[in-house]
C-alpha atoms as a PDB file:
ATOM      1  CA  MET A   1      15.247 -98.975  43.231  1.00  0.00           C
ATOM      2  CA  LEU A   2      17.619 -96.211  44.345  1.00  0.00           C
ATOM      3  CA  VAL A   3      20.823 -98.237  44.264  1.00  0.00           C
ATOM      4  CA  GLU A   4      20.535 -99.038  40.558  1.00  0.00           C
ATOM      5  CA  LYS A   5      20.149 -95.321  39.762  1.00  0.00           C
ATOM      6  CA  TYR A   6      23.575 -94.581  41.307  1.00  0.00           C
ATOM      7  CA  VAL A   7      25.626 -97.386  39.733  1.00  0.00           C
ATOM      8  CA  ASP A   8      26.862 -94.993  37.028  1.00  0.00           C
ATOM      9  CA  LEU A   9      29.033 -92.366  38.752  1.00  0.00           C
ATOM     10  CA  LYS A  10      27.927 -89.699  36.276  1.00  0.00           C
ATOM     11  CA  THR A  11      24.259 -90.055  37.166  1.00  0.00           C
ATOM     12  CA  ILE A  12      22.674 -86.999  38.732  1.00  0.00           C
ATOM     13  CA  TYR A  13      19.644 -88.239  40.631  1.00  0.00           C
ATOM     14  CA  THR A  14      18.418 -85.682  43.151  1.00  0.00           C
ATOM     15  CA  PRO A  15      16.104 -86.170  46.124  1.00  0.00           C
ATOM     16  CA  THR A  16      13.432 -84.363  44.100  1.00  0.00           C
ATOM     17  CA  ASP A  17      13.854 -86.967  41.328  1.00  0.00           C
ATOM     18  CA  ILE A  18      13.455 -89.678  43.968  1.00  0.00           C
ATOM     19  CA  GLN A  19      10.236 -88.072  45.222  1.00  0.00           C
ATOM     20  CA  VAL A  20       8.796 -87.924  41.695  1.00  0.00           C
ATOM     21  CA  ASP A  21       9.775 -91.535  40.868  1.00  0.00           C
ATOM     22  CA  MET A  22       8.427 -92.940  44.141  1.00  0.00           C
ATOM     23  CA  LEU A  23       5.101 -91.200  43.582  1.00  0.00           C
ATOM     24  CA  ARG A  24       4.904 -92.218  39.915  1.00  0.00           C
ATOM     25  CA  ILE A  25       6.054 -95.840  40.276  1.00  0.00           C
ATOM     26  CA  HIS A  26       4.858 -96.819  43.764  1.00  0.00           C
ATOM     27  CA  GLY A  27       2.233 -94.197  44.583  1.00  0.00           C
ATOM     28  CA  ILE A  28       4.149 -93.201  47.716  1.00  0.00           C
ATOM     29  CA  SER A  29       4.603 -89.549  48.620  1.00  0.00           C
ATOM     30  CA  LEU A  30       7.949 -88.819  50.306  1.00  0.00           C
ATOM     31  CA  THR A  31       9.187 -85.692  52.008  1.00  0.00           C
ATOM     32  CA  TYR A  32      12.411 -84.179  50.725  1.00  0.00           C
ATOM     33  CA  MET A  33      14.208 -85.370  53.891  1.00  0.00           C
ATOM     34  CA  GLN A  34      13.001 -88.959  53.384  1.00  0.00           C
ATOM     35  CA  ALA A  35      14.241 -88.863  49.791  1.00  0.00           C
ATOM     36  CA  TRP A  36      17.569 -87.409  50.959  1.00  0.00           C
ATOM     37  CA  ARG A  37      18.006 -90.209  53.518  1.00  0.00           C
ATOM     38  CA  GLY A  38      17.146 -92.788  50.854  1.00  0.00           C
ATOM     39  CA  LYS A  39      19.787 -91.310  48.563  1.00  0.00           C
ATOM     40  CA  LYS A  40      22.354 -91.382  51.371  1.00  0.00           C
ATOM     41  CA  LYS A  41      21.519 -95.025  52.160  1.00  0.00           C
ATOM     42  CA  ALA A  42      21.834 -95.960  48.462  1.00  0.00           C
ATOM     43  CA  PHE A  43      25.303 -94.363  48.357  1.00  0.00           C
ATOM     44  CA  GLU A  44      26.353 -96.292  51.471  1.00  0.00           C
ATOM     45  CA  THR A  45      25.073 -99.549  49.970  1.00  0.00           C
ATOM     46  CA  LEU A  46      27.027 -98.973  46.747  1.00  0.00           C
ATOM     47  CA  ARG A  47      30.212 -97.323  47.953  1.00  0.00           C
ATOM     48  CA  GLY A  48      30.431 -98.322  51.594  1.00  0.00           C
ATOM     49  CA  ASP A  49      30.974 -96.160  54.639  1.00  0.00           C
ATOM     50  CA  PRO A  50      33.735 -93.534  54.130  1.00  0.00           C
ATOM     51  CA  ALA A  51      35.044 -93.956  57.692  1.00  0.00           C
ATOM     52  CA  GLU A  52      35.312 -97.698  57.135  1.00  0.00           C
ATOM     53  CA  SER A  53      37.174 -97.117  53.856  1.00  0.00           C
ATOM     54  CA  TYR A  54      39.742 -94.860  55.517  1.00  0.00           C
ATOM     55  CA  GLY A  55      40.195 -97.532  58.174  1.00  0.00           C
ATOM     56  CA  LYS A  56      41.319 -99.965  55.461  1.00  0.00           C
ATOM     57  CA  ASN A  57      44.085 -97.638  54.195  1.00  0.00           C
ATOM     58  CA  PRO A  58      46.877 -98.930  56.491  1.00  0.00           C
ATOM     59  CA  THR A  59      46.157-102.530  55.471  1.00  0.00           C
ATOM     60  CA  TYR A  60      46.061-101.633  51.779  1.00  0.00           C
ATOM     61  CA  LEU A  61      49.339 -99.699  52.005  1.00  0.00           C
ATOM     62  CA  TYR A  62      51.012-102.508  53.985  1.00  0.00           C
ATOM     63  CA  ILE A  63      50.038-105.065  51.331  1.00  0.00           C
ATOM     64  CA  LEU A  64      51.195-102.688  48.584  1.00  0.00           C
ATOM     65  CA  GLU A  65      54.566-102.269  50.298  1.00  0.00           C
ATOM     66  CA  LYS A  66      55.017-106.036  50.795  1.00  0.00           C
ATOM     67  CA  THR A  67      53.924-106.885  47.247  1.00  0.00           C
ATOM     68  CA  TYR A  68      56.215-104.298  45.605  1.00  0.00           C
ATOM     69  CA  PRO A  69      59.298-104.269  47.890  1.00  0.00           C
ATOM     70  CA  ARG A  70      60.965-100.955  46.951  1.00  0.00           C
ATOM     71  CA  THR A  71      57.710 -99.011  46.919  1.00  0.00           C
ATOM     72  CA  ILE A  72      57.697 -95.941  49.158  1.00  0.00           C
ATOM     73  CA  VAL A  73      54.647 -95.717  51.381  1.00  0.00           C
ATOM     74  CA  ASN A  74      54.024 -93.083  54.024  1.00  0.00           C
ATOM     75  CA  TYR A  75      50.862 -92.976  56.124  1.00  0.00           C
ATOM     76  CA  LYS A  76      50.316 -90.457  58.919  1.00  0.00           C
ATOM     77  CA  LYS A  77      47.598 -90.068  61.515  1.00  0.00           C
ATOM     78  CA  THR A  78      46.902 -87.277  63.987  1.00  0.00           C
ATOM     79  CA  ASP A  79      47.390 -87.651  67.739  1.00  0.00           C
ATOM     80  CA  GLU A  80      43.660 -88.405  67.888  1.00  0.00           C
ATOM     81  CA  ASN A  81      44.241 -91.391  65.564  1.00  0.00           C
ATOM     82  CA  CYS A  82      42.533 -89.718  62.573  1.00  0.00           C
ATOM     83  CA  PHE A  83      43.811 -90.011  59.007  1.00  0.00           C
ATOM     84  CA  LEU A  84      46.059 -87.089  58.064  1.00  0.00           C
ATOM     85  CA  TYR A  85      47.748 -88.035  54.787  1.00  0.00           C
ATOM     86  CA  SER A  86      49.226 -90.839  52.736  1.00  0.00           C
ATOM     87  CA  PHE A  87      51.954 -90.897  50.118  1.00  0.00           C
ATOM     88  CA  THR A  88      52.640 -93.706  47.658  1.00  0.00           C
ATOM     89  CA  ALA A  89      55.340 -94.052  44.999  1.00  0.00           C
ATOM     90  CA  LEU A  90      55.596 -97.441  43.299  1.00  0.00           C
ATOM     91  CA  ASP A  91      59.072 -98.825  42.639  1.00  0.00           C
ATOM     92  CA  ALA A  92      58.347 -99.012  38.901  1.00  0.00           C
ATOM     93  CA  SER A  93      57.510 -95.296  38.881  1.00  0.00           C
ATOM     94  CA  ILE A  94      60.648 -94.447  40.833  1.00  0.00           C
ATOM     95  CA  ARG A  95      62.885 -96.490  38.499  1.00  0.00           C
ATOM     96  CA  GLY A  96      61.166 -95.121  35.398  1.00  0.00           C
ATOM     97  CA  TRP A  97      61.853 -91.559  36.497  1.00  0.00           C
ATOM     98  CA  GLU A  98      65.449 -91.580  35.198  1.00  0.00           C
ATOM     99  CA  TYR A  99      64.180 -92.022  31.631  1.00  0.00           C
ATOM    100  CA  CYS A 100      61.620 -89.208  31.778  1.00  0.00           C
ATOM    101  CA  ARG A 101      61.876 -85.598  30.757  1.00  0.00           C
ATOM    102  CA  PRO A 102      62.982 -83.339  33.630  1.00  0.00           C
ATOM    103  CA  ILE A 103      59.645 -81.538  33.902  1.00  0.00           C
ATOM    104  CA  VAL A 104      57.064 -82.471  36.507  1.00  0.00           C
ATOM    105  CA  VAL A 105      53.425 -81.425  36.371  1.00  0.00           C
ATOM    106  CA  VAL A 106      51.465 -81.598  39.603  1.00  0.00           C
ATOM    107  CA  ASP A 107      47.697 -81.625  39.287  1.00  0.00           C
ATOM    108  CA  GLY A 108      45.178 -81.646  42.086  1.00  0.00           C
ATOM    109  CA  THR A 109      41.496 -82.079  42.605  1.00  0.00           C
ATOM    110  CA  HIS A 110      39.484 -81.090  45.648  1.00  0.00           C
ATOM    111  CA  LEU A 111      37.800 -83.909  47.528  1.00  0.00           C
ATOM    112  CA  LYS A 112      34.268 -82.793  48.311  1.00  0.00           C
ATOM    113  CA  SER A 113      32.750 -85.804  50.017  1.00  0.00           C
ATOM    114  CA  THR A 114      32.626 -86.699  53.700  1.00  0.00           C
ATOM    115  CA  TYR A 115      36.346 -86.107  54.148  1.00  0.00           C
ATOM    116  CA  GLU A 116      37.747 -83.065  52.465  1.00  0.00           C
ATOM    117  CA  GLY A 117      41.266 -82.399  51.254  1.00  0.00           C
ATOM    118  CA  THR A 118      43.040 -82.498  47.923  1.00  0.00           C
ATOM    119  CA  MET A 119      44.197 -85.429  45.796  1.00  0.00           C
ATOM    120  CA  LEU A 120      47.487 -84.673  44.043  1.00  0.00           C
ATOM    121  CA  ILE A 121      49.058 -86.508  41.116  1.00  0.00           C
ATOM    122  CA  ALA A 122      52.575 -85.809  39.883  1.00  0.00           C
ATOM    123  CA  SER A 123      53.198 -86.639  36.220  1.00  0.00           C
ATOM    124  CA  THR A 124      55.834 -86.186  33.562  1.00  0.00           C
ATOM    125  CA  LEU A 125      56.433 -87.390  29.997  1.00  0.00           C
ATOM    126  CA  ASP A 126      58.433 -90.492  29.178  1.00  0.00           C
ATOM    127  CA  PRO A 127      60.798 -90.540  26.152  1.00  0.00           C
ATOM    128  CA  GLY A 128      57.911 -91.627  23.907  1.00  0.00           C
ATOM    129  CA  GLY A 129      55.807 -88.622  24.919  1.00  0.00           C
ATOM    130  CA  ILE A 130      53.413 -90.707  27.026  1.00  0.00           C
ATOM    131  CA  VAL A 131      52.147 -89.272  30.327  1.00  0.00           C
ATOM    132  CA  TYR A 132      53.965 -91.038  33.162  1.00  0.00           C
ATOM    133  CA  THR A 133      52.439 -90.872  36.657  1.00  0.00           C
ATOM    134  CA  ILE A 134      55.110 -90.575  39.296  1.00  0.00           C
ATOM    135  CA  THR A 135      53.001 -90.587  42.424  1.00  0.00           C
ATOM    136  CA  ALA A 136      49.530 -90.052  43.789  1.00  0.00           C
ATOM    137  CA  THR A 137      48.898 -88.667  47.234  1.00  0.00           C
ATOM    138  CA  ARG A 138      46.220 -87.008  49.295  1.00  0.00           C
ATOM    139  CA  LEU A 139      47.144 -83.588  50.599  1.00  0.00           C
ATOM    140  CA  ILE A 140      45.547 -81.971  53.557  1.00  0.00           C
ATOM    141  CA  CYS A 141      45.871 -78.262  53.928  1.00  0.00           C
ATOM    142  CA  PHE A 142      45.050 -76.612  57.208  1.00  0.00           C
ATOM    143  CA  ILE A 143      45.746 -73.407  59.075  1.00  0.00           C
ATOM    144  CA  TYR A 144      47.909 -73.658  62.166  1.00  0.00           C
ATOM    145  CA  ASN A 145      49.130 -70.579  64.035  1.00  0.00           C
ATOM    146  CA  GLN A 146      47.957 -68.415  61.127  1.00  0.00           C
ATOM    147  CA  TYR A 147      50.240 -70.240  58.649  1.00  0.00           C
ATOM    148  CA  MET A 148      49.041 -72.475  55.861  1.00  0.00           C
ATOM    149  CA  LEU A 149      50.623 -75.917  56.095  1.00  0.00           C
ATOM    150  CA  TYR A 150      50.759 -78.391  53.236  1.00  0.00           C
ATOM    151  CA  LEU A 151      51.506 -81.950  54.201  1.00  0.00           C
ATOM    152  CA  PHE A 152      52.635 -84.606  51.763  1.00  0.00           C
END
């Protein structure tokens, strides 16, 4: 029942909504925590485990690099073997750059799920005025020795 409610990414279905639906449809009274755990389990069923997804990144990037030979791929992990950042620029994007306008717009969005950070996309306009994505990367920002470090 819960999984189908979360298929659409725009759906807002709170634990309180789950409590109400379970009582109305099945006659079962749930605590807020039980509804929260059900929601979490539904997300895992639909989207998989985030840690498992990050574990697939090196394989995905390797296949990307082998499939598109002049693609630039950079993947870094910490000394503790945790994901730090990845950078990808497809060969087609690199070659198309010479025909674009010399203005680059970098846009970012904060990642607010299990693993935080920022997803950055660099774009420009091609000669026809169409938005041309140059690269997409995940940026991690952290404080080290009182200085803010940005890693690409």
